[in-house]
Protein backbone atom coordinates (compact mmCIF):
# COMPACT_ATOMS: atom_id res chain seq x y z
CA MET A 1 -2.15 -32.36 5.01
CA ALA A 2 -5.30 -30.44 5.22
CA ILE A 3 -4.92 -27.72 7.26
CA ASP A 4 -6.99 -27.41 9.93
CA VAL A 5 -6.48 -23.81 12.15
CA ASN A 6 -8.36 -21.57 13.64
CA ARG A 7 -7.29 -17.71 13.09
CA HIS A 8 -7.72 -14.92 14.88
CA ASP A 9 -6.81 -11.30 13.06
CA ASP A 10 -7.56 -9.39 16.29
CA LEU A 11 -5.09 -9.95 19.08
CA LEU A 12 -3.99 -6.58 21.11
CA ILE A 13 -1.16 -7.56 23.02
CA PRO A 14 -0.99 -4.70 26.13
CA ILE A 15 3.08 -3.82 26.46
CA GLY A 16 3.80 -1.30 29.16
CA ASP A 17 2.07 1.75 27.60
CA GLU A 18 1.38 0.67 24.07
CA THR A 19 -0.88 -2.32 22.61
CA ILE A 20 0.54 -4.67 20.50
CA ALA A 21 -2.31 -5.78 17.53
CA ALA A 22 -1.32 -9.85 16.11
CA THR A 23 -2.57 -12.90 14.44
CA ARG A 24 -2.90 -16.51 16.14
CA PHE A 25 -3.34 -19.35 14.42
CA GLU A 26 -4.43 -21.72 16.46
CA PRO A 27 -4.28 -25.22 16.19
CA ALA A 28 -7.61 -26.67 15.97
CA ARG A 29 -7.55 -29.88 17.56
CA ARG A 30 -4.77 -29.08 20.09
CA SER A 31 -4.92 -27.19 23.50
CA ASN A 32 -1.62 -25.89 25.44
CA SER A 33 0.66 -25.81 22.58
CA PRO A 34 4.52 -24.14 22.47
CA ALA A 35 3.93 -21.01 20.87
CA ILE A 36 6.27 -19.03 17.94
CA LEU A 37 6.56 -16.15 17.77
CA HIS A 38 7.15 -13.74 14.29
CA TYR A 39 7.31 -10.42 15.02
CA VAL A 40 8.40 -7.48 12.60
CA PRO A 41 7.37 -3.82 11.19
CA TYR A 42 5.48 -4.98 7.80
CA HIS A 43 1.71 -4.62 8.92
CA LYS A 44 0.51 -8.49 10.13
CA ASP A 45 -2.63 -7.09 7.84
CA ASP A 46 -0.86 -6.38 4.53
CA TRP A 47 -0.71 -9.72 2.10
CA HIS A 48 2.66 -8.88 0.67
CA GLY A 49 4.51 -7.53 3.06
CA PHE A 50 3.65 -10.42 6.29
CA GLY A 51 0.76 -12.03 5.16
CA SER A 52 2.51 -13.75 2.06
CA LYS A 53 3.88 -15.89 5.19
CA TYR A 54 0.71 -17.17 6.47
CA PRO A 55 0.66 -20.04 4.74
CA PHE A 56 3.97 -21.18 6.21
CA PHE A 57 2.20 -19.80 9.51
CA GLU A 58 -1.02 -22.35 8.59
CA TYR A 59 0.99 -25.30 8.62
CA LEU A 60 3.29 -24.85 11.71
CA SER A 61 -0.25 -24.24 13.40
CA ASN A 62 -1.29 -27.43 11.69
CA SER A 63 1.90 -29.12 12.91
CA GLY A 64 0.98 -28.43 15.97
CA TYR A 65 2.23 -25.22 16.97
CA GLU A 66 0.78 -21.57 18.09
CA VAL A 67 1.67 -18.93 16.05
CA ILE A 68 1.75 -14.98 16.34
CA ALA A 69 2.15 -12.86 13.87
CA ALA A 70 2.92 -8.93 15.64
CA ASP A 71 3.58 -5.61 13.95
CA VAL A 72 6.20 -4.40 15.55
CA VAL A 73 5.58 -0.83 18.10
CA GLY A 74 4.42 1.38 15.69
CA THR A 75 3.85 -0.56 13.31
CA GLY A 76 0.94 -2.01 11.50
CA ALA A 77 -1.72 -1.61 13.68
CA SER A 78 0.18 -1.42 16.66
CA SER A 79 -0.50 1.76 18.69
CA GLY A 80 2.98 3.65 19.61
CA ILE A 81 5.60 5.67 16.99
CA LYS A 82 8.67 3.70 16.02
CA THR A 83 11.42 6.63 15.66
CA GLU A 84 14.50 4.43 13.62
CA PRO A 85 14.81 0.90 12.29
CA TYR A 86 16.45 -1.45 14.39
CA PRO A 87 15.99 0.30 17.88
CA PRO A 88 17.31 -1.35 20.18
CA GLU A 89 13.57 -1.45 22.12
CA ASP A 90 12.55 -4.03 19.44
CA GLY A 91 14.47 -7.43 21.49
CA LYS A 92 12.55 -5.65 25.15
CA HIS A 93 9.09 -5.20 23.68
CA ALA A 94 9.67 -9.12 21.91
CA ALA A 95 10.39 -10.79 25.09
CA GLU A 96 8.00 -9.15 26.87
CA ILE A 97 6.11 -10.37 24.22
CA ILE A 98 6.98 -13.42 24.66
CA GLU A 99 6.06 -13.70 28.74
CA TRP A 100 2.64 -12.76 27.86
CA ILE A 101 2.53 -15.13 25.19
CA ALA A 102 3.50 -18.16 28.05
CA ASP A 103 0.73 -17.14 30.50
CA GLN A 104 -1.69 -17.48 27.66
CA PRO A 105 -3.82 -20.21 28.80
CA TRP A 106 -3.46 -21.47 24.77
CA SER A 107 -0.02 -21.50 25.70
CA ASN A 108 1.86 -24.39 27.12
CA GLY A 109 4.57 -21.89 28.55
CA SER A 110 7.79 -22.85 26.50
CA VAL A 111 7.97 -19.47 23.66
CA GLY A 112 10.12 -19.84 19.95
CA MET A 113 10.77 -17.04 17.79
CA ILE A 114 11.35 -17.58 13.61
CA GLY A 115 12.15 -14.19 11.04
CA ILE A 116 15.18 -13.38 8.83
CA SER A 117 16.42 -10.00 8.20
CA TYR A 118 14.54 -7.99 10.62
CA GLY A 119 12.92 -10.46 12.03
CA GLY A 120 16.26 -12.62 11.97
CA LEU A 121 17.87 -9.45 14.12
CA THR A 122 14.55 -9.36 16.48
CA CYS A 123 14.87 -12.59 17.28
CA LEU A 124 18.48 -12.41 18.30
CA ARG A 125 17.84 -8.96 20.70
CA ALA A 126 14.60 -11.23 22.03
CA ALA A 127 17.08 -13.54 22.88
CA SER A 128 19.74 -10.88 24.94
CA GLU A 129 16.95 -9.90 27.39
CA GLN A 130 16.93 -14.04 28.04
CA PRO A 131 12.40 -14.31 28.65
CA ALA A 132 12.36 -17.23 31.37
CA ALA A 133 10.01 -18.96 28.72
């Protein structure tokens, strides 16, 4: 299967007083797609920790999903200060990002999350915030 994805490396998402740095993988032949958020502290621009997942994100995007790979507040290119691992604020921030994504013209309003380890806990914390999207 040929990969037909547009990649946007400099997506900035405002949440509260912070700015989340993200990369968006856009399906090239679709608009108003469901979205998937991956929100972890592993620096979206670092190939080893985060970027190695890009082929998987491209596969999902090629299958019709918007995929947003975002740096947790205080990590990578996101603003703010990370004071401890696994803070409860990660879930609140993820829920705010989900709502922001749902409001974008390229989104159909449905947003899910994926993640394992740190990302899995972030998914659970975001779900506990019960974002509408």
